[in-house]
C-alpha atoms as a PDB file:
ATOM      1  CA  MET A   1     -67.066-188.407 -34.948  1.00  0.00           C
ATOM      2  CA  SER A   2     -70.581-187.092 -35.560  1.00  0.00           C
ATOM      3  CA  MET A   3     -72.584-188.521 -38.452  1.00  0.00           C
ATOM      4  CA  ILE A   4     -73.868-185.056 -39.395  1.00  0.00           C
ATOM      5  CA  GLU A   5     -72.449-181.640 -38.529  1.00  0.00           C
ATOM      6  CA  VAL A   6     -74.310-178.506 -39.567  1.00  0.00           C
ATOM      7  CA  ASN A   7     -72.198-175.414 -38.931  1.00  0.00           C
ATOM      8  CA  ASN A   8     -73.725-171.902 -39.100  1.00  0.00           C
ATOM      9  CA  VAL A   9     -75.812-172.756 -42.157  1.00  0.00           C
ATOM     10  CA  SER A  10     -77.920-170.090 -43.843  1.00  0.00           C
ATOM     11  CA  MET A  11     -80.108-170.642 -46.909  1.00  0.00           C
ATOM     12  CA  ARG A  12     -81.152-167.604 -48.936  1.00  0.00           C
ATOM     13  CA  PHE A  13     -83.654-167.558 -51.775  1.00  0.00           C
ATOM     14  CA  ASN A  14     -84.361-164.708 -54.178  1.00  0.00           C
ATOM     15  CA  MET A  15     -88.080-164.139 -54.630  1.00  0.00           C
ATOM     16  CA  ALA A  16     -89.458-162.047 -57.492  1.00  0.00           C
ATOM     17  CA  LYS A  17     -91.172-158.859 -56.270  1.00  0.00           C
ATOM     18  CA  GLU A  18     -93.450-158.529 -59.284  1.00  0.00           C
ATOM     19  CA  LYS A  19     -95.837-160.992 -60.871  1.00  0.00           C
ATOM     20  CA  HIS A  20     -95.388-161.635 -64.606  1.00  0.00           C
ATOM     21  CA  GLU A  21     -98.349-162.891 -66.586  1.00  0.00           C
ATOM     22  CA  SER A  22     -96.306-164.954 -69.036  1.00  0.00           C
ATOM     23  CA  LEU A  23     -92.867-166.443 -69.590  1.00  0.00           C
ATOM     24  CA  LYS A  24     -92.360-163.889 -72.373  1.00  0.00           C
ATOM     25  CA  GLU A  25     -92.940-160.987 -69.939  1.00  0.00           C
ATOM     26  CA  TYR A  26     -90.505-162.571 -67.478  1.00  0.00           C
ATOM     27  CA  PHE A  27     -87.731-162.916 -70.067  1.00  0.00           C
ATOM     28  CA  LEU A  28     -88.295-159.389 -71.379  1.00  0.00           C
ATOM     29  CA  ALA A  29     -87.953-158.026 -67.866  1.00  0.00           C
ATOM     30  CA  ALA A  30     -84.817-160.125 -67.372  1.00  0.00           C
ATOM     31  CA  VAL A  31     -83.218-158.903 -70.617  1.00  0.00           C
ATOM     32  CA  GLN A  32     -84.067-155.288 -69.760  1.00  0.00           C
ATOM     33  CA  GLY A  33     -82.666-155.681 -66.249  1.00  0.00           C
ATOM     34  CA  LYS A  34     -86.018-154.888 -64.683  1.00  0.00           C
ATOM     35  CA  LEU A  35     -86.397-158.017 -62.595  1.00  0.00           C
ATOM     36  CA  GLN A  36     -86.568-157.166 -58.909  1.00  0.00           C
ATOM     37  CA  PHE A  37     -86.058-159.667 -56.127  1.00  0.00           C
ATOM     38  CA  GLU A  38     -86.529-159.813 -52.405  1.00  0.00           C
ATOM     39  CA  GLU A  39     -84.155-161.945 -50.351  1.00  0.00           C
ATOM     40  CA  PHE A  40     -85.805-164.573 -48.202  1.00  0.00           C
ATOM     41  CA  TYR A  41     -83.835-166.539 -45.613  1.00  0.00           C
ATOM     42  CA  ALA A  42     -85.291-170.005 -45.032  1.00  0.00           C
ATOM     43  CA  LEU A  43     -82.426-170.761 -42.607  1.00  0.00           C
ATOM     44  CA  ARG A  44     -80.196-168.441 -40.582  1.00  0.00           C
ATOM     45  CA  ASP A  45     -77.052-169.538 -38.738  1.00  0.00           C
ATOM     46  CA  VAL A  46     -78.315-173.052 -37.992  1.00  0.00           C
ATOM     47  CA  SER A  47     -75.923-175.406 -36.214  1.00  0.00           C
ATOM     48  CA  LEU A  48     -76.463-178.924 -34.889  1.00  0.00           C
ATOM     49  CA  LYS A  49     -74.752-182.289 -34.570  1.00  0.00           C
ATOM     50  CA  VAL A  50     -76.292-185.734 -34.977  1.00  0.00           C
ATOM     51  CA  GLU A  51     -74.424-188.687 -33.521  1.00  0.00           C
ATOM     52  CA  LYS A  52     -74.240-192.229 -34.894  1.00  0.00           C
ATOM     53  CA  GLY A  53     -77.316-194.301 -34.083  1.00  0.00           C
ATOM     54  CA  GLU A  54     -79.356-191.327 -32.886  1.00  0.00           C
ATOM     55  CA  PHE A  55     -83.021-190.832 -33.675  1.00  0.00           C
ATOM     56  CA  TYR A  56     -83.073-187.064 -34.146  1.00  0.00           C
ATOM     57  CA  GLY A  57     -86.236-184.987 -34.487  1.00  0.00           C
ATOM     58  CA  LEU A  58     -86.926-181.598 -36.078  1.00  0.00           C
ATOM     59  CA  ILE A  59     -90.026-179.693 -35.016  1.00  0.00           C
ATOM     60  CA  GLY A  60     -91.512-176.282 -35.751  1.00  0.00           C
ATOM     61  CA  LEU A  61     -94.437-174.587 -37.430  1.00  0.00           C
ATOM     62  CA  ASN A  62     -94.940-174.603 -41.198  1.00  0.00           C
ATOM     63  CA  GLY A  63     -92.343-172.351 -42.795  1.00  0.00           C
ATOM     64  CA  SER A  64     -89.852-172.737 -39.960  1.00  0.00           C
ATOM     65  CA  GLY A  65     -87.202-174.254 -42.253  1.00  0.00           C
ATOM     66  CA  LYS A  66     -87.405-177.949 -41.345  1.00  0.00           C
ATOM     67  CA  SER A  67     -87.711-179.328 -44.883  1.00  0.00           C
ATOM     68  CA  THR A  68     -85.130-176.860 -46.202  1.00  0.00           C
ATOM     69  CA  LEU A  69     -82.657-178.049 -43.572  1.00  0.00           C
ATOM     70  CA  LEU A  70     -83.227-181.681 -44.566  1.00  0.00           C
ATOM     71  CA  LYS A  71     -82.585-180.793 -48.214  1.00  0.00           C
ATOM     72  CA  VAL A  72     -79.350-179.036 -47.276  1.00  0.00           C
ATOM     73  CA  ILE A  73     -78.215-182.085 -45.285  1.00  0.00           C
ATOM     74  CA  ALA A  74     -79.169-184.409 -48.171  1.00  0.00           C
ATOM     75  CA  GLY A  75     -77.230-182.262 -50.669  1.00  0.00           C
ATOM     76  CA  VAL A  76     -80.298-181.128 -52.623  1.00  0.00           C
ATOM     77  CA  TYR A  77     -79.462-177.502 -51.752  1.00  0.00           C
ATOM     78  CA  LYS A  78     -76.036-175.943 -51.362  1.00  0.00           C
ATOM     79  CA  PRO A  79     -76.166-173.588 -48.367  1.00  0.00           C
ATOM     80  CA  SER A  80     -75.722-169.862 -49.010  1.00  0.00           C
ATOM     81  CA  ALA A  81     -73.395-169.750 -45.996  1.00  0.00           C
ATOM     82  CA  GLY A  82     -71.939-172.258 -43.554  1.00  0.00           C
ATOM     83  CA  SER A  83     -71.111-175.907 -44.089  1.00  0.00           C
ATOM     84  CA  VAL A  84     -72.538-179.398 -43.718  1.00  0.00           C
ATOM     85  CA  THR A  85     -70.451-182.514 -43.121  1.00  0.00           C
ATOM     86  CA  VAL A  86     -72.068-185.925 -43.606  1.00  0.00           C
ATOM     87  CA  ASN A  87     -70.193-189.112 -42.732  1.00  0.00           C
ATOM     88  CA  GLY A  88     -72.017-191.963 -44.454  1.00  0.00           C
ATOM     89  CA  SER A  89     -74.570-192.840 -47.102  1.00  0.00           C
ATOM     90  CA  ILE A  90     -77.965-191.122 -47.033  1.00  0.00           C
ATOM     91  CA  ALA A  91     -81.383-192.501 -47.986  1.00  0.00           C
ATOM     92  CA  PRO A  92     -83.599-189.415 -48.292  1.00  0.00           C
ATOM     93  CA  LEU A  93     -87.380-189.619 -47.964  1.00  0.00           C
ATOM     94  CA  ILE A  94     -87.909-185.900 -48.404  1.00  0.00           C
ATOM     95  CA  GLU A  95     -90.469-185.246 -51.109  1.00  0.00           C
ATOM     96  CA  LEU A  96     -93.203-187.745 -51.794  1.00  0.00           C
ATOM     97  CA  GLY A  97     -92.740-189.011 -55.349  1.00  0.00           C
ATOM     98  CA  ALA A  98     -89.228-187.572 -55.807  1.00  0.00           C
ATOM     99  CA  GLY A  99     -87.236-189.949 -57.986  1.00  0.00           C
ATOM    100  CA  PHE A 100     -90.405-191.465 -59.447  1.00  0.00           C
ATOM    101  CA  ASP A 101     -91.990-191.193 -62.887  1.00  0.00           C
ATOM    102  CA  MET A 102     -95.713-191.078 -62.198  1.00  0.00           C
ATOM    103  CA  ASP A 103     -96.547-192.350 -65.712  1.00  0.00           C
ATOM    104  CA  LEU A 104     -94.620-195.586 -65.095  1.00  0.00           C
ATOM    105  CA  THR A 105     -95.901-198.565 -63.115  1.00  0.00           C
ATOM    106  CA  ALA A 106     -94.868-199.339 -59.559  1.00  0.00           C
ATOM    107  CA  ARG A 107     -92.770-202.250 -60.870  1.00  0.00           C
ATOM    108  CA  GLU A 108     -90.858-199.918 -63.189  1.00  0.00           C
ATOM    109  CA  ASN A 109     -90.500-197.257 -60.522  1.00  0.00           C
ATOM    110  CA  ILE A 110     -88.947-199.674 -58.052  1.00  0.00           C
ATOM    111  CA  TYR A 111     -86.049-200.039 -60.507  1.00  0.00           C
ATOM    112  CA  LEU A 112     -86.005-196.339 -61.417  1.00  0.00           C
ATOM    113  CA  ASN A 113     -86.029-195.066 -57.828  1.00  0.00           C
ATOM    114  CA  GLY A 114     -83.619-197.759 -56.694  1.00  0.00           C
ATOM    115  CA  THR A 115     -81.166-196.641 -59.374  1.00  0.00           C
ATOM    116  CA  VAL A 116     -81.524-193.006 -58.234  1.00  0.00           C
ATOM    117  CA  LEU A 117     -80.576-194.190 -54.734  1.00  0.00           C
ATOM    118  CA  GLY A 118     -77.478-195.890 -56.167  1.00  0.00           C
ATOM    119  CA  LEU A 119     -78.701-199.500 -56.202  1.00  0.00           C
ATOM    120  CA  THR A 120     -77.738-201.829 -59.044  1.00  0.00           C
ATOM    121  CA  PRO A 121     -80.414-203.655 -61.074  1.00  0.00           C
ATOM    122  CA  LYS A 122     -78.954-206.945 -59.818  1.00  0.00           C
ATOM    123  CA  TYR A 123     -79.351-205.850 -56.187  1.00  0.00           C
ATOM    124  CA  ILE A 124     -82.904-204.646 -56.843  1.00  0.00           C
ATOM    125  CA  ASP A 125     -83.669-208.034 -58.434  1.00  0.00           C
ATOM    126  CA  SER A 126     -82.503-209.776 -55.271  1.00  0.00           C
ATOM    127  CA  LYS A 127     -84.608-207.508 -53.027  1.00  0.00           C
ATOM    128  CA  PHE A 128     -87.635-207.028 -55.302  1.00  0.00           C
ATOM    129  CA  ASP A 129     -89.969-209.443 -53.537  1.00  0.00           C
ATOM    130  CA  GLU A 130     -88.963-208.060 -50.128  1.00  0.00           C
ATOM    131  CA  ILE A 131     -89.722-204.493 -51.272  1.00  0.00           C
ATOM    132  CA  VAL A 132     -93.108-205.525 -52.649  1.00  0.00           C
ATOM    133  CA  GLU A 133     -94.063-207.572 -49.586  1.00  0.00           C
ATOM    134  CA  PHE A 134     -93.251-204.714 -47.235  1.00  0.00           C
ATOM    135  CA  SER A 135     -95.271-202.227 -49.296  1.00  0.00           C
ATOM    136  CA  GLU A 136     -98.254-204.630 -49.417  1.00  0.00           C
ATOM    137  CA  LEU A 137     -98.964-203.492 -52.985  1.00  0.00           C
ATOM    138  CA  ARG A 138     -98.342-206.656 -55.013  1.00  0.00           C
ATOM    139  CA  ASP A 139    -101.817-206.450 -56.582  1.00  0.00           C
ATOM    140  CA  PHE A 140    -101.034-202.961 -57.900  1.00  0.00           C
ATOM    141  CA  LEU A 141     -97.526-203.524 -59.268  1.00  0.00           C
ATOM    142  CA  ASP A 142     -98.487-202.936 -62.886  1.00  0.00           C
ATOM    143  CA  VAL A 143    -100.637-199.868 -62.240  1.00  0.00           C
ATOM    144  CA  PRO A 144     -99.132-196.434 -63.134  1.00  0.00           C
ATOM    145  CA  LEU A 145     -98.155-194.451 -60.046  1.00  0.00           C
ATOM    146  CA  LYS A 146    -100.345-191.539 -61.159  1.00  0.00           C
ATOM    147  CA  ASN A 147    -103.312-193.736 -60.190  1.00  0.00           C
ATOM    148  CA  TYR A 148    -101.896-194.356 -56.691  1.00  0.00           C
ATOM    149  CA  SER A 149    -103.000-192.466 -53.598  1.00  0.00           C
ATOM    150  CA  SER A 150    -100.325-190.471 -51.740  1.00  0.00           C
ATOM    151  CA  GLY A 151    -100.323-193.174 -49.059  1.00  0.00           C
ATOM    152  CA  MET A 152     -99.593-195.885 -51.634  1.00  0.00           C
ATOM    153  CA  VAL A 153     -96.731-193.854 -53.128  1.00  0.00           C
ATOM    154  CA  SER A 154     -95.241-193.392 -49.662  1.00  0.00           C
ATOM    155  CA  ARG A 155     -95.381-197.159 -49.090  1.00  0.00           C
ATOM    156  CA  ILE A 156     -93.316-197.783 -52.215  1.00  0.00           C
ATOM    157  CA  ALA A 157     -90.868-194.963 -51.412  1.00  0.00           C
ATOM    158  CA  PHE A 158     -90.302-196.119 -47.836  1.00  0.00           C
ATOM    159  CA  SER A 159     -89.936-199.764 -48.868  1.00  0.00           C
ATOM    160  CA  ILE A 160     -87.212-198.951 -51.411  1.00  0.00           C
ATOM    161  CA  ALA A 161     -85.292-196.448 -49.264  1.00  0.00           C
ATOM    162  CA  THR A 162     -85.075-198.751 -46.231  1.00  0.00           C
ATOM    163  CA  ILE A 163     -84.164-201.962 -48.031  1.00  0.00           C
ATOM    164  CA  THR A 164     -80.472-200.972 -48.086  1.00  0.00           C
ATOM    165  CA  LYS A 165     -79.915-200.308 -44.368  1.00  0.00           C
ATOM    166  CA  PRO A 166     -78.358-196.880 -45.060  1.00  0.00           C
ATOM    167  CA  ASP A 167     -76.000-195.094 -42.669  1.00  0.00           C
ATOM    168  CA  ILE A 168     -78.465-192.199 -42.444  1.00  0.00           C
ATOM    169  CA  LEU A 169     -82.216-192.149 -43.108  1.00  0.00           C
ATOM    170  CA  ILE A 170     -83.857-188.744 -43.570  1.00  0.00           C
ATOM    171  CA  ALA A 171     -87.650-188.764 -43.355  1.00  0.00           C
ATOM    172  CA  ASP A 172     -89.865-185.708 -43.909  1.00  0.00           C
ATOM    173  CA  GLU A 173     -93.446-186.345 -42.765  1.00  0.00           C
ATOM    174  CA  ILE A 174     -93.256-189.768 -44.413  1.00  0.00           C
ATOM    175  CA  LEU A 175     -94.992-191.423 -41.468  1.00  0.00           C
ATOM    176  CA  SER A 176     -97.930-189.020 -41.558  1.00  0.00           C
ATOM    177  CA  VAL A 177     -99.147-190.427 -44.883  1.00  0.00           C
ATOM    178  CA  GLY A 178    -100.985-193.711 -45.019  1.00  0.00           C
ATOM    179  CA  ASP A 179    -102.944-195.790 -42.577  1.00  0.00           C
ATOM    180  CA  PHE A 180    -102.158-196.339 -38.907  1.00  0.00           C
ATOM    181  CA  MET A 181    -101.123-199.976 -39.345  1.00  0.00           C
ATOM    182  CA  PHE A 182     -98.550-199.112 -42.005  1.00  0.00           C
ATOM    183  CA  GLN A 183     -97.191-196.256 -39.881  1.00  0.00           C
ATOM    184  CA  GLU A 184     -96.579-198.765 -37.080  1.00  0.00           C
ATOM    185  CA  LYS A 185     -94.854-201.053 -39.575  1.00  0.00           C
ATOM    186  CA  CYS A 186     -92.595-198.178 -40.676  1.00  0.00           C
ATOM    187  CA  GLU A 187     -91.707-197.334 -37.089  1.00  0.00           C
ATOM    188  CA  LYS A 188     -90.756-200.957 -36.475  1.00  0.00           C
ATOM    189  CA  ARG A 189     -88.574-200.976 -39.621  1.00  0.00           C
ATOM    190  CA  MET A 190     -86.793-197.810 -38.467  1.00  0.00           C
ATOM    191  CA  ALA A 191     -86.192-199.354 -35.048  1.00  0.00           C
ATOM    192  CA  GLU A 192     -84.616-202.361 -36.798  1.00  0.00           C
ATOM    193  CA  LEU A 193     -82.394-200.071 -38.865  1.00  0.00           C
ATOM    194  CA  MET A 194     -81.272-198.221 -35.755  1.00  0.00           C
ATOM    195  CA  SER A 195     -80.399-201.468 -33.999  1.00  0.00           C
ATOM    196  CA  GLY A 196     -78.012-202.002 -36.913  1.00  0.00           C
ATOM    197  CA  GLY A 197     -76.449-198.562 -36.441  1.00  0.00           C
ATOM    198  CA  THR A 198     -78.513-196.417 -38.835  1.00  0.00           C
ATOM    199  CA  THR A 199     -78.959-192.772 -37.841  1.00  0.00           C
ATOM    200  CA  VAL A 200     -82.432-191.295 -38.409  1.00  0.00           C
ATOM    201  CA  ILE A 201     -83.563-187.673 -38.775  1.00  0.00           C
ATOM    202  CA  LEU A 202     -87.327-187.233 -38.663  1.00  0.00           C
ATOM    203  CA  VAL A 203     -89.510-184.213 -39.399  1.00  0.00           C
ATOM    204  CA  SER A 204     -93.037-184.640 -38.114  1.00  0.00           C
ATOM    205  CA  HIS A 205     -95.954-182.439 -37.119  1.00  0.00           C
ATOM    206  CA  SER A 206     -96.946-185.158 -34.664  1.00  0.00           C
ATOM    207  CA  ILE A 207     -95.338-184.208 -31.364  1.00  0.00           C
ATOM    208  CA  GLU A 208     -96.539-187.531 -29.933  1.00  0.00           C
ATOM    209  CA  GLN A 209     -94.554-189.357 -32.613  1.00  0.00           C
ATOM    210  CA  ILE A 210     -91.458-187.252 -31.954  1.00  0.00           C
ATOM    211  CA  GLU A 211     -91.770-187.861 -28.201  1.00  0.00           C
ATOM    212  CA  ARG A 212     -92.179-191.598 -28.726  1.00  0.00           C
ATOM    213  CA  MET A 213     -89.311-192.113 -31.145  1.00  0.00           C
ATOM    214  CA  CYS A 214     -86.609-189.433 -30.831  1.00  0.00           C
ATOM    215  CA  ASP A 215     -83.558-189.181 -28.569  1.00  0.00           C
ATOM    216  CA  ARG A 216     -82.909-185.474 -29.169  1.00  0.00           C
ATOM    217  CA  VAL A 217     -84.809-182.681 -30.880  1.00  0.00           C
ATOM    218  CA  THR A 218     -84.125-179.314 -32.496  1.00  0.00           C
ATOM    219  CA  TRP A 219     -86.926-176.758 -32.576  1.00  0.00           C
ATOM    220  CA  LEU A 220     -86.741-174.380 -35.543  1.00  0.00           C
ATOM    221  CA  GLU A 221     -88.575-171.061 -35.581  1.00  0.00           C
ATOM    222  CA  LYS A 222     -88.509-168.732 -38.609  1.00  0.00           C
ATOM    223  CA  GLY A 223     -85.343-170.384 -39.891  1.00  0.00           C
ATOM    224  CA  ARG A 224     -83.408-170.170 -36.628  1.00  0.00           C
ATOM    225  CA  VAL A 225     -82.704-172.700 -33.891  1.00  0.00           C
ATOM    226  CA  ARG A 226     -84.914-171.845 -30.942  1.00  0.00           C
ATOM    227  CA  MET A 227     -83.930-174.813 -28.802  1.00  0.00           C
ATOM    228  CA  THR A 228     -81.946-178.069 -28.979  1.00  0.00           C
ATOM    229  CA  GLY A 229     -81.901-180.730 -26.307  1.00  0.00           C
ATOM    230  CA  ASP A 230     -83.395-183.943 -25.013  1.00  0.00           C
ATOM    231  CA  THR A 231     -86.784-184.800 -26.444  1.00  0.00           C
ATOM    232  CA  LYS A 232     -88.893-184.191 -23.316  1.00  0.00           C
ATOM    233  CA  THR A 233     -87.411-180.775 -22.538  1.00  0.00           C
ATOM    234  CA  VAL A 234     -87.770-179.419 -26.083  1.00  0.00           C
ATOM    235  CA  CYS A 235     -91.211-180.924 -26.734  1.00  0.00           C
ATOM    236  CA  ASP A 236     -92.573-179.702 -23.381  1.00  0.00           C
ATOM    237  CA  ALA A 237     -91.402-176.163 -24.186  1.00  0.00           C
ATOM    238  CA  TYR A 238     -92.883-176.348 -27.687  1.00  0.00           C
ATOM    239  CA  LYS A 239     -96.243-177.613 -26.411  1.00  0.00           C
ATOM    240  CA  ALA A 240     -96.328-174.962 -23.681  1.00  0.00           C
ATOM    241  CA  LEU A 241     -95.918-172.217 -26.274  1.00  0.00           C
ATOM    242  CA  ASP A 242     -98.562-173.831 -28.481  1.00  0.00           C
ATOM    243  CA  GLN A 243    -101.010-173.971 -25.561  1.00  0.00           C
ATOM    244  CA  GLU A 244    -100.220-170.356 -24.678  1.00  0.00           C
ATOM    245  CA  ALA A 245    -100.950-169.266 -28.266  1.00  0.00           C
ATOM    246  CA  ALA A 246    -104.256-171.142 -28.201  1.00  0.00           C
ATOM    247  CA  THR A 247    -105.525-169.289 -25.106  1.00  0.00           C
END
């Protein structure tokens, strides 16, 4: 049984054709039936399977649909067509700061974000010191998150999401934020999770990172699957096209 099955998934968004200068203008146009939309497909007929314990990579240019696909898998979006089956609990690291209140301190956000991920206050109490030690931000615990750098926010987010040893970890560019030493620490933590059976899906613009960590890869292009296969085959093809475009 696969951990994740994506079957012929399409994701359609309606985009307004005209720009409205104010909310009032928008609502007037809506009431008068004058709103016009263009359909935009972020994903078209995407299918893939991720097996238990796999480290699965998604690659592609900006706008290829990678983040949208992760959100569909995580249940943030309901697909316009097709289906997604997920067998297990998911810890999503999709949008930096999602599930946080930037006006609250890091200490408060550990409890807030942990609750969003389904953790009980008692469990968070028992893991609090471990979360803080991994993030290396003990000296900044009582500072509001709005004063954190993006790298510091990612440290907190990663530390909370991986404390539970989820069945599935979904990470969108999370390892591209922060310093090199912390990225190595995150990679080691993900390796530990996988040794315990966790399945990981990673989106990264770093092909070197994908090549180093992933078992299989899907290459998305303009919302469609261009290629799926073993990491070397897909990444070599992707790099060859990139080099061709650069010449």
